[in-house]
Amino acid sequence: YMDGLAYDLYRNERVAFEGSSGEYKANINKIVDDSTKQVSTMIAMLKGIGNRHLNANFKTLLDTEVFGIQSVRTSIVLSEVQFKEDDRFSYREVRSAEVPIVYEERNKWL
């Protein structure tokens, strides 16, 4: 199970949230497992959207995106998955950021 899901206005699952570690401890095996789980969940979310809109134009389905947000220690990663024309999926890391944990690191938010 994912740590959290977010829905769009049409009740389609659109964002999967996964917290993979605490601030100080990071288990590499858990991070890899959580990343794999998140990609698998995002693909299932896309398939679910496709199954709910069977009469939609294929081009519209190619433009559909789902997102994942994963936190690892003090990093947050935003990723997306889309359908590709050749019956594959495209995974892309859109952005990542370091979360400041002490006052002196607050410029990381700029």
N, C-alpha and C. Protein backbone atom coordinates (compact mmCIF):
# COMPACT_ATOMS: atom_id res chain seq x y z
N TYR A 1 0.83 -1.19 0.00
CA TYR A 1 0.00 0.00 0.00
C TYR A 1 0.87 1.25 0.00
N MET A 2 0.39 2.27 -0.65
CA MET A 2 1.08 3.57 -0.65
C MET A 2 0.78 4.27 0.67
N ASP A 3 1.60 5.24 1.02
CA ASP A 3 1.36 6.01 2.24
C ASP A 3 0.23 7.01 2.06
N GLY A 4 -0.06 7.38 0.81
CA GLY A 4 -1.15 8.31 0.56
C GLY A 4 -1.48 8.39 -0.92
N LEU A 5 -2.72 8.75 -1.23
CA LEU A 5 -3.17 8.95 -2.61
C LEU A 5 -3.95 10.24 -2.68
N ALA A 6 -3.89 10.90 -3.83
CA ALA A 6 -4.69 12.10 -4.06
C ALA A 6 -5.49 11.89 -5.34
N TYR A 7 -6.66 12.50 -5.39
CA TYR A 7 -7.59 12.30 -6.50
C TYR A 7 -7.84 13.61 -7.22
N ASP A 8 -8.22 13.50 -8.52
CA ASP A 8 -8.62 14.70 -9.26
C ASP A 8 -10.12 14.93 -9.08
N LEU A 9 -10.67 15.90 -9.78
CA LEU A 9 -12.09 16.24 -9.64
C LEU A 9 -13.02 15.12 -10.09
N TYR A 10 -12.52 14.21 -10.92
CA TYR A 10 -13.34 13.12 -11.44
C TYR A 10 -13.13 11.82 -10.67
N ARG A 11 -12.48 11.92 -9.51
CA ARG A 11 -12.22 10.78 -8.62
C ARG A 11 -11.23 9.78 -9.22
N ASN A 12 -10.39 10.22 -10.15
CA ASN A 12 -9.29 9.40 -10.64
C ASN A 12 -8.10 9.57 -9.71
N GLU A 13 -7.43 8.48 -9.40
CA GLU A 13 -6.20 8.59 -8.61
C GLU A 13 -5.16 9.30 -9.45
N ARG A 14 -4.52 10.34 -8.91
CA ARG A 14 -3.56 11.13 -9.68
C ARG A 14 -2.19 11.25 -9.05
N VAL A 15 -2.10 11.16 -7.71
CA VAL A 15 -0.81 11.34 -7.04
C VAL A 15 -0.64 10.24 -5.99
N ALA A 16 0.54 9.62 -6.00
CA ALA A 16 0.89 8.60 -5.01
C ALA A 16 1.99 9.16 -4.11
N PHE A 17 1.78 9.07 -2.80
CA PHE A 17 2.75 9.58 -1.82
C PHE A 17 3.45 8.40 -1.13
N GLU A 18 4.75 8.52 -0.96
CA GLU A 18 5.51 7.47 -0.29
C GLU A 18 6.60 8.10 0.57
N GLY A 19 6.58 7.78 1.86
CA GLY A 19 7.64 8.21 2.77
C GLY A 19 8.58 7.03 3.00
N SER A 20 9.81 7.12 2.52
CA SER A 20 10.69 5.96 2.52
C SER A 20 11.66 5.89 3.68
N SER A 21 11.87 6.97 4.39
CA SER A 21 12.80 6.91 5.52
C SER A 21 12.59 8.11 6.42
N GLY A 22 13.19 8.03 7.58
CA GLY A 22 13.20 9.17 8.47
C GLY A 22 14.35 10.10 8.13
N GLU A 23 14.53 11.10 8.95
CA GLU A 23 15.56 12.11 8.68
C GLU A 23 16.97 11.54 8.78
N TYR A 24 17.20 10.63 9.71
CA TYR A 24 18.57 10.17 9.95
C TYR A 24 18.84 8.75 9.46
N LYS A 25 17.84 7.89 9.48
CA LYS A 25 18.04 6.50 9.08
C LYS A 25 17.44 6.26 7.71
N ALA A 26 18.23 5.63 6.83
CA ALA A 26 17.73 5.28 5.50
C ALA A 26 18.18 3.86 5.18
N ASN A 27 17.23 2.97 5.00
CA ASN A 27 17.51 1.59 4.63
C ASN A 27 17.40 1.50 3.11
N ILE A 28 18.51 1.21 2.44
CA ILE A 28 18.55 1.19 0.98
C ILE A 28 17.54 0.21 0.40
N ASN A 29 17.42 -0.98 1.00
CA ASN A 29 16.46 -1.97 0.49
C ASN A 29 15.03 -1.45 0.55
N LYS A 30 14.68 -0.76 1.64
CA LYS A 30 13.33 -0.20 1.76
C LYS A 30 13.11 0.91 0.74
N ILE A 31 14.12 1.73 0.50
CA ILE A 31 13.99 2.82 -0.47
C ILE A 31 13.77 2.25 -1.87
N VAL A 32 14.53 1.22 -2.24
CA VAL A 32 14.37 0.59 -3.55
C VAL A 32 12.99 -0.06 -3.66
N ASP A 33 12.57 -0.78 -2.62
CA ASP A 33 11.24 -1.40 -2.62
C ASP A 33 10.14 -0.35 -2.74
N ASP A 34 10.25 0.75 -1.98
CA ASP A 34 9.24 1.80 -2.04
C ASP A 34 9.21 2.47 -3.41
N SER A 35 10.37 2.67 -4.02
CA SER A 35 10.42 3.27 -5.36
C SER A 35 9.75 2.37 -6.39
N THR A 36 10.04 1.08 -6.30
CA THR A 36 9.42 0.11 -7.21
C THR A 36 7.91 0.08 -7.00
N LYS A 37 7.50 0.08 -5.74
CA LYS A 37 6.07 0.07 -5.42
C LYS A 37 5.39 1.33 -5.97
N GLN A 38 6.06 2.47 -5.86
CA GLN A 38 5.47 3.71 -6.33
C GLN A 38 5.30 3.71 -7.85
N VAL A 39 6.32 3.27 -8.58
CA VAL A 39 6.22 3.21 -10.04
C VAL A 39 5.11 2.24 -10.44
N SER A 40 5.03 1.09 -9.80
CA SER A 40 3.98 0.12 -10.08
C SER A 40 2.60 0.71 -9.81
N THR A 41 2.45 1.43 -8.70
CA THR A 41 1.18 2.06 -8.37
C THR A 41 0.81 3.13 -9.40
N MET A 42 1.79 3.90 -9.84
CA MET A 42 1.52 4.95 -10.82
C MET A 42 1.07 4.35 -12.15
N ILE A 43 1.67 3.24 -12.56
CA ILE A 43 1.25 2.56 -13.79
C ILE A 43 -0.18 2.05 -13.63
N ALA A 44 -0.49 1.46 -12.48
CA ALA A 44 -1.85 0.99 -12.21
C ALA A 44 -2.85 2.14 -12.22
N MET A 45 -2.44 3.31 -11.72
CA MET A 45 -3.32 4.48 -11.73
C MET A 45 -3.63 4.89 -13.18
N LEU A 46 -2.61 4.90 -14.04
CA LEU A 46 -2.83 5.24 -15.45
C LEU A 46 -3.75 4.23 -16.12
N LYS A 47 -3.53 2.96 -15.86
CA LYS A 47 -4.39 1.93 -16.44
C LYS A 47 -5.83 2.11 -15.96
N GLY A 48 -6.00 2.46 -14.70
CA GLY A 48 -7.34 2.69 -14.16
C GLY A 48 -8.04 3.84 -14.85
N ILE A 49 -7.31 4.91 -15.12
CA ILE A 49 -7.90 6.05 -15.84
C ILE A 49 -8.29 5.61 -17.25
N GLY A 50 -7.41 4.86 -17.92
CA GLY A 50 -7.72 4.36 -19.26
C GLY A 50 -8.94 3.46 -19.27
N ASN A 51 -9.07 2.60 -18.27
CA ASN A 51 -10.22 1.69 -18.20
C ASN A 51 -11.53 2.41 -17.92
N ARG A 52 -11.46 3.56 -17.27
CA ARG A 52 -12.69 4.32 -16.99
C ARG A 52 -13.14 5.14 -18.19
N HIS A 53 -12.25 5.34 -19.16
CA HIS A 53 -12.56 6.19 -20.32
C HIS A 53 -12.25 5.43 -21.61
N LEU A 54 -12.91 4.30 -21.80
CA LEU A 54 -12.62 3.44 -22.94
C LEU A 54 -12.94 4.08 -24.28
N ASN A 55 -13.84 5.04 -24.33
CA ASN A 55 -14.21 5.69 -25.59
C ASN A 55 -13.41 6.95 -25.86
N ALA A 56 -12.44 7.25 -25.02
CA ALA A 56 -11.63 8.47 -25.20
C ALA A 56 -10.68 8.31 -26.38
N ASN A 57 -10.30 9.43 -26.95
CA ASN A 57 -9.31 9.46 -28.02
C ASN A 57 -7.96 8.99 -27.45
N PHE A 58 -7.23 8.18 -28.22
CA PHE A 58 -5.94 7.67 -27.75
C PHE A 58 -4.96 8.81 -27.49
N LYS A 59 -5.02 9.87 -28.27
CA LYS A 59 -4.14 11.04 -28.08
C LYS A 59 -4.39 11.65 -26.70
N THR A 60 -5.64 11.69 -26.28
CA THR A 60 -5.96 12.22 -24.95
C THR A 60 -5.32 11.35 -23.87
N LEU A 61 -5.37 10.04 -24.05
CA LEU A 61 -4.75 9.14 -23.08
C LEU A 61 -3.24 9.34 -23.03
N LEU A 62 -2.62 9.61 -24.18
CA LEU A 62 -1.17 9.86 -24.21
C LEU A 62 -0.80 11.14 -23.46
N ASP A 63 -1.73 12.08 -23.38
CA ASP A 63 -1.48 13.34 -22.68
C ASP A 63 -1.75 13.25 -21.17
N THR A 64 -2.29 12.13 -20.72
CA THR A 64 -2.63 11.95 -19.31
C THR A 64 -1.38 11.63 -18.50
N GLU A 65 -1.25 12.26 -17.36
CA GLU A 65 -0.10 12.06 -16.48
C GLU A 65 -0.59 11.72 -15.07
N VAL A 66 0.17 10.91 -14.38
CA VAL A 66 -0.02 10.70 -12.95
C VAL A 66 1.31 11.01 -12.28
N PHE A 67 1.24 11.36 -11.01
CA PHE A 67 2.43 11.85 -10.32
C PHE A 67 2.71 11.04 -9.06
N GLY A 68 3.96 11.07 -8.65
CA GLY A 68 4.38 10.45 -7.41
C GLY A 68 5.26 11.40 -6.63
N ILE A 69 5.10 11.40 -5.33
CA ILE A 69 5.94 12.21 -4.45
C ILE A 69 6.54 11.26 -3.42
N GLN A 70 7.86 11.24 -3.36
CA GLN A 70 8.56 10.34 -2.44
C GLN A 70 9.54 11.14 -1.61
N SER A 71 9.54 10.87 -0.31
CA SER A 71 10.52 11.52 0.56
C SER A 71 11.54 10.48 1.01
N VAL A 72 12.80 10.86 0.91
CA VAL A 72 13.91 10.02 1.35
C VAL A 72 14.84 10.91 2.16
N ARG A 73 14.95 10.62 3.45
CA ARG A 73 15.73 11.44 4.38
C ARG A 73 15.27 12.89 4.28
N THR A 74 16.11 13.79 3.77
CA THR A 74 15.72 15.21 3.69
C THR A 74 15.43 15.63 2.26
N SER A 75 15.18 14.67 1.37
CA SER A 75 14.87 14.98 -0.04
C SER A 75 13.43 14.65 -0.36
N ILE A 76 12.85 15.43 -1.25
CA ILE A 76 11.52 15.15 -1.79
C ILE A 76 11.68 15.07 -3.31
N VAL A 77 11.10 14.03 -3.91
CA VAL A 77 11.20 13.83 -5.36
C VAL A 77 9.80 13.78 -5.95
N LEU A 78 9.57 14.59 -6.99
CA LEU A 78 8.33 14.57 -7.76
C LEU A 78 8.61 13.85 -9.06
N SER A 79 7.82 12.81 -9.36
CA SER A 79 7.99 12.06 -10.60
C SER A 79 6.65 11.93 -11.31
N GLU A 80 6.71 11.58 -12.61
CA GLU A 80 5.48 11.41 -13.38
C GLU A 80 5.59 10.18 -14.26
N VAL A 81 4.45 9.60 -14.59
CA VAL A 81 4.37 8.47 -15.52
C VAL A 81 3.31 8.80 -16.55
N GLN A 82 3.62 8.50 -17.82
CA GLN A 82 2.69 8.69 -18.94
C GLN A 82 2.71 7.45 -19.82
N PHE A 83 1.63 7.26 -20.59
CA PHE A 83 1.62 6.25 -21.64
C PHE A 83 2.48 6.73 -22.80
N LYS A 84 3.09 5.81 -23.51
CA LYS A 84 3.79 6.10 -24.76
C LYS A 84 3.06 5.39 -25.89
N GLU A 85 3.27 5.84 -27.13
CA GLU A 85 2.56 5.27 -28.28
C GLU A 85 2.92 3.81 -28.54
N ASP A 86 4.07 3.36 -28.12
CA ASP A 86 4.52 1.99 -28.41
C ASP A 86 4.17 1.01 -27.29
N ASP A 87 3.04 1.23 -26.61
CA ASP A 87 2.56 0.35 -25.54
C ASP A 87 3.53 0.26 -24.37
N ARG A 88 4.23 1.34 -24.10
CA ARG A 88 5.15 1.40 -22.97
C ARG A 88 4.75 2.56 -22.07
N PHE A 89 5.48 2.67 -20.98
CA PHE A 89 5.26 3.77 -20.06
C PHE A 89 6.52 4.60 -19.98
N SER A 90 6.34 5.87 -19.73
CA SER A 90 7.46 6.79 -19.57
C SER A 90 7.49 7.26 -18.12
N TYR A 91 8.61 7.02 -17.43
CA TYR A 91 8.82 7.50 -16.07
C TYR A 91 9.83 8.63 -16.14
N ARG A 92 9.54 9.72 -15.44
CA ARG A 92 10.45 10.86 -15.45
C ARG A 92 10.47 11.51 -14.08
N GLU A 93 11.67 11.82 -13.60
CA GLU A 93 11.80 12.61 -12.38
C GLU A 93 11.66 14.07 -12.78
N VAL A 94 10.61 14.71 -12.30
CA VAL A 94 10.31 16.09 -12.70
C VAL A 94 11.14 17.08 -11.89
N ARG A 95 11.15 16.92 -10.59
CA ARG A 95 11.89 17.83 -9.71
C ARG A 95 12.30 17.09 -8.44
N SER A 96 13.31 17.63 -7.81
CA SER A 96 13.67 17.16 -6.48
C SER A 96 14.14 18.36 -5.67
N ALA A 97 14.01 18.25 -4.38
CA ALA A 97 14.39 19.36 -3.50
C ALA A 97 14.90 18.81 -2.18
N GLU A 98 15.81 19.54 -1.58
CA GLU A 98 16.27 19.24 -0.23
C GLU A 98 15.41 20.05 0.74
N VAL A 99 14.94 19.40 1.77
CA VAL A 99 14.13 20.06 2.78
C VAL A 99 15.06 20.53 3.90
N PRO A 100 15.06 21.83 4.20
CA PRO A 100 15.92 22.31 5.28
C PRO A 100 15.44 21.77 6.62
N ILE A 101 16.38 21.34 7.44
CA ILE A 101 16.01 20.81 8.76
C ILE A 101 16.52 21.68 9.89
N VAL A 102 17.35 22.65 9.58
CA VAL A 102 17.80 23.62 10.57
C VAL A 102 17.64 25.01 9.98
N TYR A 103 17.54 25.98 10.84
CA TYR A 103 17.27 27.36 10.42
C TYR A 103 18.30 27.87 9.42
N GLU A 104 19.56 27.51 9.60
CA GLU A 104 20.63 28.01 8.73
C GLU A 104 20.51 27.49 7.30
N GLU A 105 19.74 26.43 7.07
CA GLU A 105 19.58 25.87 5.73
C GLU A 105 18.31 26.35 5.03
N ARG A 106 17.65 27.33 5.59
CA ARG A 106 16.37 27.79 5.05
C ARG A 106 16.47 28.30 3.61
N ASN A 107 17.68 28.70 3.16
CA ASN A 107 17.83 29.19 1.79
C ASN A 107 17.61 28.08 0.76
N LYS A 108 17.55 26.82 1.18
CA LYS A 108 17.25 25.72 0.25
C LYS A 108 15.85 25.85 -0.34
N TRP A 109 14.97 26.57 0.32
CA TRP A 109 13.61 26.74 -0.18
C TRP A 109 13.53 27.82 -1.25
N LEU A 110 14.58 28.59 -1.43
CA LEU A 110 14.56 29.67 -2.42
C LEU A 110 14.78 29.17 -3.81
